[in-house]
Amino acid sequence: MGKTLFALLSLGLILVLAQRASSGALDPRIDLGPRQAAAATRVVLVLAHRNQRQLDALLDAIAQGRAKPISHAQFERTYAPGAASLRRVQTFLKAKGFAIERSSDSLILANAPSRTVEKTFTTSIHNVREAARGDWYAPAARPVAPAAIAPLLATVMVSSRPMYRPGAR
């Protein structure tokens, strides 16, 4: 009888937790409201690869053992975004008031005041609190790449959310 009661209580708890989770009641994030307009805000832009469909097919073939991996030089020649795309996105960002922190062949880290990020990427940046990760900022809605650079981008990320790293202290 004790095991049956325990099982029923466990099932009841699971159902309550599932209901709360689906309603958003268990979301550990607390929205602290809009970020200060002048607060420095980092943006990470990932440039789109050239020949993406061909690259996807190649990666599938490699994963299935039907093709061999290509060299870094082959990847650069055929799939990497290219210097012209990188310069075009950097020039656009600088004209909008962003400072370029770092960049590589396919990644740009830039920062600007929150109001500039919001205006450029058509979103609102909010401060967020999460018990496990502390305070950070994130967009209230998915950032939208401006038409002038959208075809050159794979994604735009705006968040200072600390990432979990196993073994990190």
N, C-alpha and C. Protein backbone atom coordinates (compact mmCIF):
# COMPACT_ATOMS: atom_id res chain seq x y z
N MET A 1 0.82 -1.19 0.00
CA MET A 1 0.00 0.00 0.00
C MET A 1 0.86 1.26 0.00
N GLY A 2 1.99 1.23 0.70
CA GLY A 2 2.88 2.38 0.75
C GLY A 2 3.47 2.72 -0.61
N LYS A 3 3.84 1.67 -1.37
CA LYS A 3 4.42 1.89 -2.70
C LYS A 3 3.38 2.46 -3.65
N THR A 4 2.15 2.01 -3.54
CA THR A 4 1.07 2.49 -4.40
C THR A 4 0.80 3.97 -4.12
N LEU A 5 0.73 4.33 -2.85
CA LEU A 5 0.50 5.72 -2.48
C LEU A 5 1.64 6.60 -2.99
N PHE A 6 2.89 6.12 -2.82
CA PHE A 6 4.05 6.87 -3.30
C PHE A 6 3.99 7.06 -4.82
N ALA A 7 3.61 6.00 -5.53
CA ALA A 7 3.52 6.08 -6.99
C ALA A 7 2.45 7.08 -7.41
N LEU A 8 1.31 7.08 -6.74
CA LEU A 8 0.23 8.02 -7.07
C LEU A 8 0.65 9.46 -6.79
N LEU A 9 1.31 9.67 -5.64
CA LEU A 9 1.77 11.03 -5.31
C LEU A 9 2.82 11.49 -6.32
N SER A 10 3.73 10.59 -6.71
CA SER A 10 4.75 10.93 -7.70
C SER A 10 4.12 11.30 -9.03
N LEU A 11 3.14 10.50 -9.46
CA LEU A 11 2.44 10.78 -10.72
C LEU A 11 1.73 12.13 -10.64
N GLY A 12 1.09 12.39 -9.51
CA GLY A 12 0.40 13.68 -9.32
C GLY A 12 1.37 14.84 -9.39
N LEU A 13 2.53 14.69 -8.76
CA LEU A 13 3.54 15.74 -8.79
C LEU A 13 4.05 15.97 -10.21
N ILE A 14 4.28 14.88 -10.93
CA ILE A 14 4.74 15.00 -12.31
C ILE A 14 3.70 15.74 -13.16
N LEU A 15 2.43 15.43 -12.98
CA LEU A 15 1.37 16.10 -13.74
C LEU A 15 1.30 17.59 -13.41
N VAL A 16 1.43 17.94 -12.14
CA VAL A 16 1.42 19.35 -11.73
C VAL A 16 2.61 20.08 -12.32
N LEU A 17 3.79 19.47 -12.25
CA LEU A 17 4.99 20.11 -12.79
C LEU A 17 4.88 20.27 -14.31
N ALA A 18 4.34 19.27 -14.98
CA ALA A 18 4.16 19.37 -16.43
C ALA A 18 3.20 20.49 -16.79
N GLN A 19 2.12 20.61 -16.02
CA GLN A 19 1.15 21.68 -16.28
C GLN A 19 1.79 23.04 -16.06
N ARG A 20 2.53 23.19 -14.99
CA ARG A 20 3.20 24.47 -14.73
C ARG A 20 4.24 24.78 -15.79
N ALA A 21 4.99 23.77 -16.20
CA ALA A 21 6.01 23.98 -17.22
C ALA A 21 5.38 24.42 -18.53
N SER A 22 4.26 23.80 -18.92
CA SER A 22 3.62 24.18 -20.18
C SER A 22 3.00 25.57 -20.10
N SER A 23 2.69 26.03 -18.90
CA SER A 23 2.13 27.38 -18.77
C SER A 23 3.21 28.44 -18.59
N GLY A 24 4.47 28.01 -18.49
CA GLY A 24 5.57 28.95 -18.31
C GLY A 24 5.88 29.25 -16.85
N ALA A 25 5.15 28.62 -15.92
CA ALA A 25 5.33 28.91 -14.50
C ALA A 25 6.69 28.46 -13.97
N LEU A 26 7.35 27.53 -14.67
CA LEU A 26 8.65 27.06 -14.20
C LEU A 26 9.82 27.71 -14.93
N ASP A 27 9.54 28.66 -15.79
CA ASP A 27 10.62 29.33 -16.52
C ASP A 27 11.51 30.02 -15.52
N PRO A 28 12.79 29.65 -15.46
CA PRO A 28 13.68 30.20 -14.44
C PRO A 28 14.10 31.64 -14.74
N ARG A 29 13.78 32.16 -15.89
CA ARG A 29 14.17 33.53 -16.23
C ARG A 29 13.17 34.53 -15.69
N ILE A 30 13.72 35.62 -15.19
CA ILE A 30 12.88 36.73 -14.76
C ILE A 30 13.27 37.92 -15.63
N ASP A 31 12.31 38.46 -16.35
CA ASP A 31 12.56 39.62 -17.20
C ASP A 31 12.61 40.85 -16.31
N LEU A 32 13.77 41.51 -16.27
CA LEU A 32 13.96 42.69 -15.43
C LEU A 32 13.63 43.98 -16.17
N GLY A 33 13.18 43.86 -17.41
CA GLY A 33 12.79 45.03 -18.18
C GLY A 33 13.86 45.46 -19.18
N PRO A 34 13.56 46.52 -19.92
CA PRO A 34 14.47 46.98 -20.98
C PRO A 34 15.86 47.34 -20.45
N ARG A 35 16.84 47.02 -21.24
CA ARG A 35 18.24 47.37 -20.93
C ARG A 35 18.41 48.88 -21.12
N GLN A 36 19.30 49.48 -20.34
CA GLN A 36 19.57 50.92 -20.48
C GLN A 36 20.03 51.20 -21.91
N ALA A 37 19.53 52.27 -22.48
CA ALA A 37 19.78 52.60 -23.89
C ALA A 37 21.27 52.74 -24.21
N ALA A 38 22.04 53.25 -23.28
CA ALA A 38 23.47 53.49 -23.54
C ALA A 38 24.37 52.32 -23.14
N ALA A 39 23.79 51.26 -22.55
CA ALA A 39 24.59 50.13 -22.08
C ALA A 39 25.24 49.40 -23.25
N ALA A 40 26.53 49.10 -23.09
CA ALA A 40 27.26 48.37 -24.13
C ALA A 40 26.63 46.99 -24.31
N THR A 41 26.39 46.63 -25.56
CA THR A 41 25.72 45.38 -25.87
C THR A 41 26.48 44.68 -27.00
N ARG A 42 26.82 43.43 -26.78
CA ARG A 42 27.60 42.66 -27.76
C ARG A 42 26.66 41.91 -28.71
N VAL A 43 27.08 41.88 -29.96
CA VAL A 43 26.36 41.17 -31.01
C VAL A 43 27.35 40.21 -31.67
N VAL A 44 26.91 39.00 -31.94
CA VAL A 44 27.72 38.02 -32.66
C VAL A 44 26.99 37.73 -33.97
N LEU A 45 27.68 37.96 -35.07
CA LEU A 45 27.10 37.70 -36.39
C LEU A 45 27.88 36.55 -37.02
N VAL A 46 27.17 35.56 -37.50
CA VAL A 46 27.78 34.43 -38.19
C VAL A 46 27.45 34.59 -39.67
N LEU A 47 28.49 34.68 -40.48
CA LEU A 47 28.29 34.85 -41.91
C LEU A 47 27.86 33.53 -42.56
N ALA A 48 27.03 33.65 -43.58
CA ALA A 48 26.54 32.48 -44.30
C ALA A 48 27.64 31.89 -45.17
N HIS A 49 27.65 30.59 -45.27
CA HIS A 49 28.58 29.93 -46.17
C HIS A 49 28.10 30.09 -47.61
N ARG A 50 29.02 30.06 -48.53
CA ARG A 50 28.66 30.01 -49.94
C ARG A 50 28.31 28.56 -50.27
N ASN A 51 27.51 28.38 -51.28
CA ASN A 51 27.18 27.04 -51.76
C ASN A 51 26.66 26.14 -50.64
N GLN A 52 25.73 26.65 -49.84
CA GLN A 52 25.26 25.94 -48.65
C GLN A 52 24.66 24.57 -48.98
N ARG A 53 23.85 24.48 -50.02
CA ARG A 53 23.24 23.18 -50.36
C ARG A 53 24.30 22.14 -50.71
N GLN A 54 25.29 22.59 -51.46
CA GLN A 54 26.39 21.69 -51.83
C GLN A 54 27.17 21.28 -50.58
N LEU A 55 27.39 22.21 -49.67
CA LEU A 55 28.09 21.91 -48.42
C LEU A 55 27.29 20.92 -47.58
N ASP A 56 25.98 21.12 -47.47
CA ASP A 56 25.14 20.19 -46.72
C ASP A 56 25.22 18.78 -47.30
N ALA A 57 25.17 18.68 -48.62
CA ALA A 57 25.25 17.37 -49.28
C ALA A 57 26.61 16.72 -49.01
N LEU A 58 27.66 17.52 -49.06
CA LEU A 58 29.00 16.99 -48.78
C LEU A 58 29.09 16.48 -47.35
N LEU A 59 28.60 17.25 -46.40
CA LEU A 59 28.66 16.84 -45.00
C LEU A 59 27.86 15.56 -44.77
N ASP A 60 26.69 15.44 -45.40
CA ASP A 60 25.91 14.21 -45.30
C ASP A 60 26.69 13.03 -45.87
N ALA A 61 27.31 13.25 -47.03
CA ALA A 61 28.08 12.17 -47.67
C ALA A 61 29.27 11.76 -46.79
N ILE A 62 29.94 12.71 -46.18
CA ILE A 62 31.06 12.40 -45.28
C ILE A 62 30.55 11.61 -44.08
N ALA A 63 29.44 12.05 -43.50
CA ALA A 63 28.88 11.38 -42.33
C ALA A 63 28.47 9.94 -42.65
N GLN A 64 28.04 9.70 -43.89
CA GLN A 64 27.59 8.37 -44.29
C GLN A 64 28.73 7.54 -44.89
N GLY A 65 29.93 8.08 -44.91
CA GLY A 65 31.08 7.35 -45.42
C GLY A 65 31.17 7.28 -46.93
N ARG A 66 30.41 8.13 -47.63
CA ARG A 66 30.41 8.13 -49.09
C ARG A 66 31.39 9.15 -49.67
N ALA A 67 31.99 9.96 -48.81
CA ALA A 67 32.95 10.97 -49.27
C ALA A 67 34.00 11.17 -48.20
N LYS A 68 35.15 11.66 -48.62
CA LYS A 68 36.24 11.94 -47.69
C LYS A 68 36.20 13.42 -47.31
N PRO A 69 36.65 13.74 -46.10
CA PRO A 69 36.73 15.15 -45.71
C PRO A 69 37.62 15.93 -46.68
N ILE A 70 37.31 17.21 -46.83
CA ILE A 70 38.10 18.07 -47.70
C ILE A 70 39.12 18.85 -46.87
N SER A 71 40.10 19.41 -47.53
CA SER A 71 41.12 20.19 -46.83
C SER A 71 40.57 21.56 -46.45
N HIS A 72 41.28 22.20 -45.55
CA HIS A 72 40.91 23.56 -45.15
C HIS A 72 40.93 24.49 -46.37
N ALA A 73 41.95 24.34 -47.20
CA ALA A 73 42.07 25.18 -48.40
C ALA A 73 40.88 24.96 -49.34
N GLN A 74 40.45 23.71 -49.50
CA GLN A 74 39.29 23.43 -50.35
C GLN A 74 38.03 24.07 -49.76
N PHE A 75 37.89 23.97 -48.44
CA PHE A 75 36.73 24.58 -47.78
C PHE A 75 36.73 26.09 -48.01
N GLU A 76 37.86 26.72 -47.81
CA GLU A 76 37.97 28.17 -47.99
C GLU A 76 37.60 28.58 -49.42
N ARG A 77 38.13 27.86 -50.40
CA ARG A 77 37.86 28.19 -51.81
C ARG A 77 36.40 28.03 -52.19
N THR A 78 35.75 27.01 -51.65
CA THR A 78 34.42 26.64 -52.13
C THR A 78 33.28 27.12 -51.23
N TYR A 79 33.49 27.14 -49.90
CA TYR A 79 32.37 27.35 -48.99
C TYR A 79 32.48 28.55 -48.04
N ALA A 80 33.67 28.97 -47.72
CA ALA A 80 33.84 30.06 -46.75
C ALA A 80 33.18 31.34 -47.28
N PRO A 81 32.69 32.19 -46.39
CA PRO A 81 31.99 33.39 -46.82
C PRO A 81 32.78 34.32 -47.73
N GLY A 82 34.06 34.45 -47.52
CA GLY A 82 34.87 35.31 -48.37
C GLY A 82 35.10 36.68 -47.76
N ALA A 83 36.23 37.27 -48.12
CA ALA A 83 36.65 38.56 -47.56
C ALA A 83 35.70 39.69 -47.93
N ALA A 84 35.14 39.65 -49.13
CA ALA A 84 34.23 40.73 -49.55
C ALA A 84 32.98 40.77 -48.68
N SER A 85 32.43 39.60 -48.35
CA SER A 85 31.25 39.54 -47.47
C SER A 85 31.58 40.06 -46.08
N LEU A 86 32.73 39.64 -45.57
CA LEU A 86 33.16 40.08 -44.25
C LEU A 86 33.31 41.61 -44.22
N ARG A 87 33.98 42.18 -45.22
CA ARG A 87 34.16 43.64 -45.28
C ARG A 87 32.83 44.36 -45.39
N ARG A 88 31.92 43.82 -46.20
CA ARG A 88 30.62 44.48 -46.38
C ARG A 88 29.83 44.54 -45.07
N VAL A 89 29.82 43.44 -44.31
CA VAL A 89 29.11 43.42 -43.03
C VAL A 89 29.80 44.34 -42.02
N GLN A 90 31.12 44.29 -41.96
CA GLN A 90 31.85 45.16 -41.04
C GLN A 90 31.60 46.63 -41.37
N THR A 91 31.65 47.00 -42.64
CA THR A 91 31.41 48.38 -43.06
C THR A 91 30.00 48.82 -42.67
N PHE A 92 29.03 47.96 -42.87
CA PHE A 92 27.65 48.26 -42.50
C PHE A 92 27.55 48.53 -41.00
N LEU A 93 28.12 47.62 -40.20
CA LEU A 93 28.05 47.77 -38.75
C LEU A 93 28.72 49.05 -38.28
N LYS A 94 29.89 49.35 -38.81
CA LYS A 94 30.60 50.57 -38.41
C LYS A 94 29.78 51.81 -38.76
N ALA A 95 29.14 51.81 -39.91
CA ALA A 95 28.32 52.95 -40.31
C ALA A 95 27.12 53.15 -39.38
N LYS A 96 26.68 52.07 -38.76
CA LYS A 96 25.54 52.15 -37.82
C LYS A 96 25.98 52.49 -36.41
N GLY A 97 27.31 52.55 -36.17
CA GLY A 97 27.81 52.92 -34.85
C GLY A 97 28.36 51.77 -34.02
N PHE A 98 28.58 50.63 -34.63
CA PHE A 98 29.15 49.49 -33.92
C PHE A 98 30.66 49.56 -33.94
N ALA A 99 31.28 49.03 -32.89
CA ALA A 99 32.72 48.84 -32.85
C ALA A 99 32.96 47.35 -33.07
N ILE A 100 33.89 47.03 -33.95
CA ILE A 100 34.22 45.63 -34.21
C ILE A 100 35.25 45.19 -33.18
N GLU A 101 34.90 44.21 -32.37
CA GLU A 101 35.83 43.68 -31.37
C GLU A 101 36.81 42.70 -32.00
N ARG A 102 36.27 41.74 -32.71
CA ARG A 102 37.06 40.70 -33.35
C ARG A 102 36.29 40.16 -34.54
N SER A 103 37.04 39.57 -35.45
CA SER A 103 36.37 38.88 -36.56
C SER A 103 37.28 37.77 -37.08
N SER A 104 36.65 36.81 -37.70
CA SER A 104 37.37 35.74 -38.37
C SER A 104 36.75 35.62 -39.76
N ASP A 105 37.05 34.54 -40.44
CA ASP A 105 36.50 34.36 -41.78
C ASP A 105 34.97 34.33 -41.81
N SER A 106 34.36 33.85 -40.73
CA SER A 106 32.91 33.70 -40.75
C SER A 106 32.20 34.20 -39.51
N LEU A 107 32.90 34.94 -38.65
CA LEU A 107 32.31 35.39 -37.39
C LEU A 107 32.73 36.81 -37.10
N ILE A 108 31.77 37.62 -36.65
CA ILE A 108 32.07 39.00 -36.26
C ILE A 108 31.51 39.23 -34.86
N LEU A 109 32.35 39.71 -33.94
CA LEU A 109 31.91 40.15 -32.63
C LEU A 109 31.97 41.67 -32.64
N ALA A 110 30.83 42.28 -32.37
CA ALA A 110 30.76 43.74 -32.39
C ALA A 110 29.97 44.20 -31.18
N ASN A 111 30.15 45.48 -30.82
CA ASN A 111 29.34 46.01 -29.74
C ASN A 111 28.92 47.42 -30.06
N ALA A 112 27.82 47.81 -29.42
CA ALA A 112 27.25 49.15 -29.61
C ALA A 112 26.32 49.40 -28.43
N PRO A 113 25.91 50.65 -28.23
CA PRO A 113 24.90 50.90 -27.21
C PRO A 113 23.63 50.09 -27.51
N SER A 114 22.95 49.69 -26.47
CA SER A 114 21.75 48.87 -26.61
C SER A 114 20.74 49.48 -27.60
N ARG A 115 20.55 50.80 -27.55
CA ARG A 115 19.59 51.43 -28.46
C ARG A 115 19.98 51.24 -29.92
N THR A 116 21.29 51.23 -30.20
CA THR A 116 21.78 51.02 -31.57
C THR A 116 21.51 49.59 -32.01
N VAL A 117 21.76 48.64 -31.11
CA VAL A 117 21.50 47.23 -31.42
C VAL A 117 20.01 47.03 -31.68
N GLU A 118 19.18 47.61 -30.83
CA GLU A 118 17.73 47.47 -30.99
C GLU A 118 17.25 48.03 -32.32
N LYS A 119 17.72 49.21 -32.66
CA LYS A 119 17.30 49.86 -33.91
C LYS A 119 17.81 49.08 -35.13
N THR A 120 19.05 48.65 -35.09
CA THR A 120 19.64 47.96 -36.23
C THR A 120 19.01 46.60 -36.47
N PHE A 121 18.72 45.87 -35.39
CA PHE A 121 18.22 44.50 -35.52
C PHE A 121 16.76 44.34 -35.14
N THR A 122 16.02 45.44 -35.11
CA THR A 122 14.57 45.46 -34.91
C THR A 122 14.13 44.55 -33.75
N THR A 123 14.67 44.84 -32.58
CA THR A 123 14.31 44.06 -31.40
C THR A 123 14.41 44.96 -30.17
N SER A 124 14.08 44.42 -29.05
CA SER A 124 14.21 45.12 -27.78
C SER A 124 15.12 44.27 -26.89
N ILE A 125 16.10 44.89 -26.27
CA ILE A 125 17.04 44.16 -25.42
C ILE A 125 16.59 44.33 -23.97
N HIS A 126 16.47 43.20 -23.26
CA HIS A 126 16.04 43.22 -21.87
C HIS A 126 17.10 42.61 -20.97
N ASN A 127 17.12 43.09 -19.74
CA ASN A 127 17.94 42.45 -18.71
C ASN A 127 17.15 41.28 -18.16
N VAL A 128 17.85 40.19 -17.87
CA VAL A 128 17.21 38.95 -17.44
C VAL A 128 17.95 38.44 -16.22
N ARG A 129 17.23 37.82 -15.32
CA ARG A 129 17.85 37.16 -14.16
C ARG A 129 17.46 35.69 -14.18
N GLU A 130 18.45 34.86 -13.94
CA GLU A 130 18.23 33.42 -13.90
C GLU A 130 18.99 32.89 -12.68
N ALA A 131 18.33 32.14 -11.85
CA ALA A 131 18.94 31.68 -10.60
C ALA A 131 20.27 30.98 -10.84
N ALA A 132 20.34 30.13 -11.83
CA ALA A 132 21.55 29.35 -12.07
C ALA A 132 22.67 30.13 -12.74
N ARG A 133 22.34 31.24 -13.41
CA ARG A 133 23.37 31.94 -14.19
C ARG A 133 23.51 33.42 -13.86
N GLY A 134 22.70 33.93 -12.98
CA GLY A 134 22.81 35.34 -12.60
C GLY A 134 22.11 36.27 -13.58
N ASP A 135 22.59 37.50 -13.67
CA ASP A 135 21.98 38.52 -14.53
C ASP A 135 22.69 38.57 -15.88
N TRP A 136 21.91 38.75 -16.94
CA TRP A 136 22.45 38.85 -18.29
C TRP A 136 21.44 39.58 -19.15
N TYR A 137 21.74 39.81 -20.40
CA TYR A 137 20.78 40.46 -21.29
C TYR A 137 20.50 39.58 -22.49
N ALA A 138 19.31 39.80 -23.07
CA ALA A 138 18.90 39.02 -24.23
C ALA A 138 17.82 39.80 -24.98
N PRO A 139 17.62 39.49 -26.24
CA PRO A 139 16.55 40.16 -26.99
C PRO A 139 15.18 39.63 -26.54
N ALA A 140 14.21 40.53 -26.48
CA ALA A 140 12.85 40.13 -26.13
C ALA A 140 12.18 39.43 -27.32
N ALA A 141 12.67 39.70 -28.51
CA ALA A 141 12.19 39.04 -29.73
C ALA A 141 13.41 38.72 -30.59
N ARG A 142 13.28 37.75 -31.45
CA ARG A 142 14.40 37.34 -32.31
C ARG A 142 14.92 38.53 -33.12
N PRO A 143 16.23 38.78 -33.10
CA PRO A 143 16.79 39.87 -33.90
C PRO A 143 16.56 39.62 -35.40
N VAL A 144 16.31 40.69 -36.12
CA VAL A 144 16.07 40.60 -37.56
C VAL A 144 17.24 41.29 -38.27
N ALA A 145 17.91 40.56 -39.13
CA ALA A 145 19.04 41.13 -39.88
C ALA A 145 18.51 42.16 -40.87
N PRO A 146 19.15 43.33 -40.95
CA PRO A 146 18.73 44.34 -41.92
C PRO A 146 18.87 43.81 -43.36
N ALA A 147 17.99 44.23 -44.22
CA ALA A 147 17.97 43.75 -45.61
C ALA A 147 19.32 43.90 -46.31
N ALA A 148 20.05 44.97 -45.97
CA ALA A 148 21.33 45.23 -46.64
C ALA A 148 22.38 44.15 -46.40
N ILE A 149 22.28 43.44 -45.27
CA ILE A 149 23.27 42.40 -44.98
C ILE A 149 22.65 41.03 -44.74
N ALA A 150 21.35 40.93 -44.71
CA ALA A 150 20.67 39.66 -44.42
C ALA A 150 21.14 38.50 -45.29
N PRO A 151 21.32 38.68 -46.60
CA PRO A 151 21.75 37.54 -47.42
C PRO A 151 23.16 37.04 -47.07
N LEU A 152 23.92 37.86 -46.38
CA LEU A 152 25.30 37.50 -46.04
C LEU A 152 25.41 36.79 -44.69
N LEU A 153 24.30 36.74 -43.94
CA LEU A 153 24.34 36.22 -42.58
C LEU A 153 23.61 34.90 -42.42
N ALA A 154 24.19 34.04 -41.58
CA ALA A 154 23.52 32.80 -41.19
C ALA A 154 22.68 33.05 -39.94
N THR A 155 23.22 33.86 -39.01
CA THR A 155 22.49 34.15 -37.79
C THR A 155 23.05 35.39 -37.10
N VAL A 156 22.21 35.98 -36.24
CA VAL A 156 22.60 37.11 -35.40
C VAL A 156 22.26 36.72 -33.97
N MET A 157 23.24 36.83 -33.07
CA MET A 157 23.02 36.49 -31.67
C MET A 157 23.27 37.72 -30.80
N VAL A 158 22.34 37.99 -29.90
CA VAL A 158 22.47 39.10 -28.96
C VAL A 158 22.14 38.54 -27.59
N SER A 159 23.16 38.23 -26.80
CA SER A 159 22.92 37.72 -25.46
C SER A 159 24.23 37.67 -24.71
N SER A 160 24.16 37.98 -23.43
CA SER A 160 25.34 37.82 -22.58
C SER A 160 25.16 36.64 -21.64
N ARG A 161 24.22 35.75 -21.99
CA ARG A 161 23.94 34.59 -21.14
C ARG A 161 25.18 33.74 -20.97
N PRO A 162 25.59 33.51 -19.73
CA PRO A 162 26.74 32.63 -19.50
C PRO A 162 26.38 31.22 -19.94
N MET A 163 27.31 30.57 -20.57
CA MET A 163 27.09 29.21 -21.04
C MET A 163 27.67 28.23 -20.03
N TYR A 164 27.01 27.12 -19.90
CA TYR A 164 27.51 26.05 -19.02
C TYR A 164 28.69 25.39 -19.69
N ARG A 165 29.75 25.25 -18.94
CA ARG A 165 30.93 24.52 -19.42
C ARG A 165 31.29 23.47 -18.39
N PRO A 166 31.19 22.19 -18.75
CA PRO A 166 31.54 21.15 -17.79
C PRO A 166 32.95 21.37 -17.24
N GLY A 167 33.08 21.25 -15.95
CA GLY A 167 34.39 21.38 -15.32
C GLY A 167 34.80 22.83 -15.04
N ALA A 168 34.04 23.81 -15.56
CA ALA A 168 34.38 25.22 -15.32
C ALA A 168 33.97 25.60 -13.89
N ARG A 169 34.76 26.44 -13.30
CA ARG A 169 34.44 26.90 -11.93
C ARG A 169 34.36 28.40 -11.92
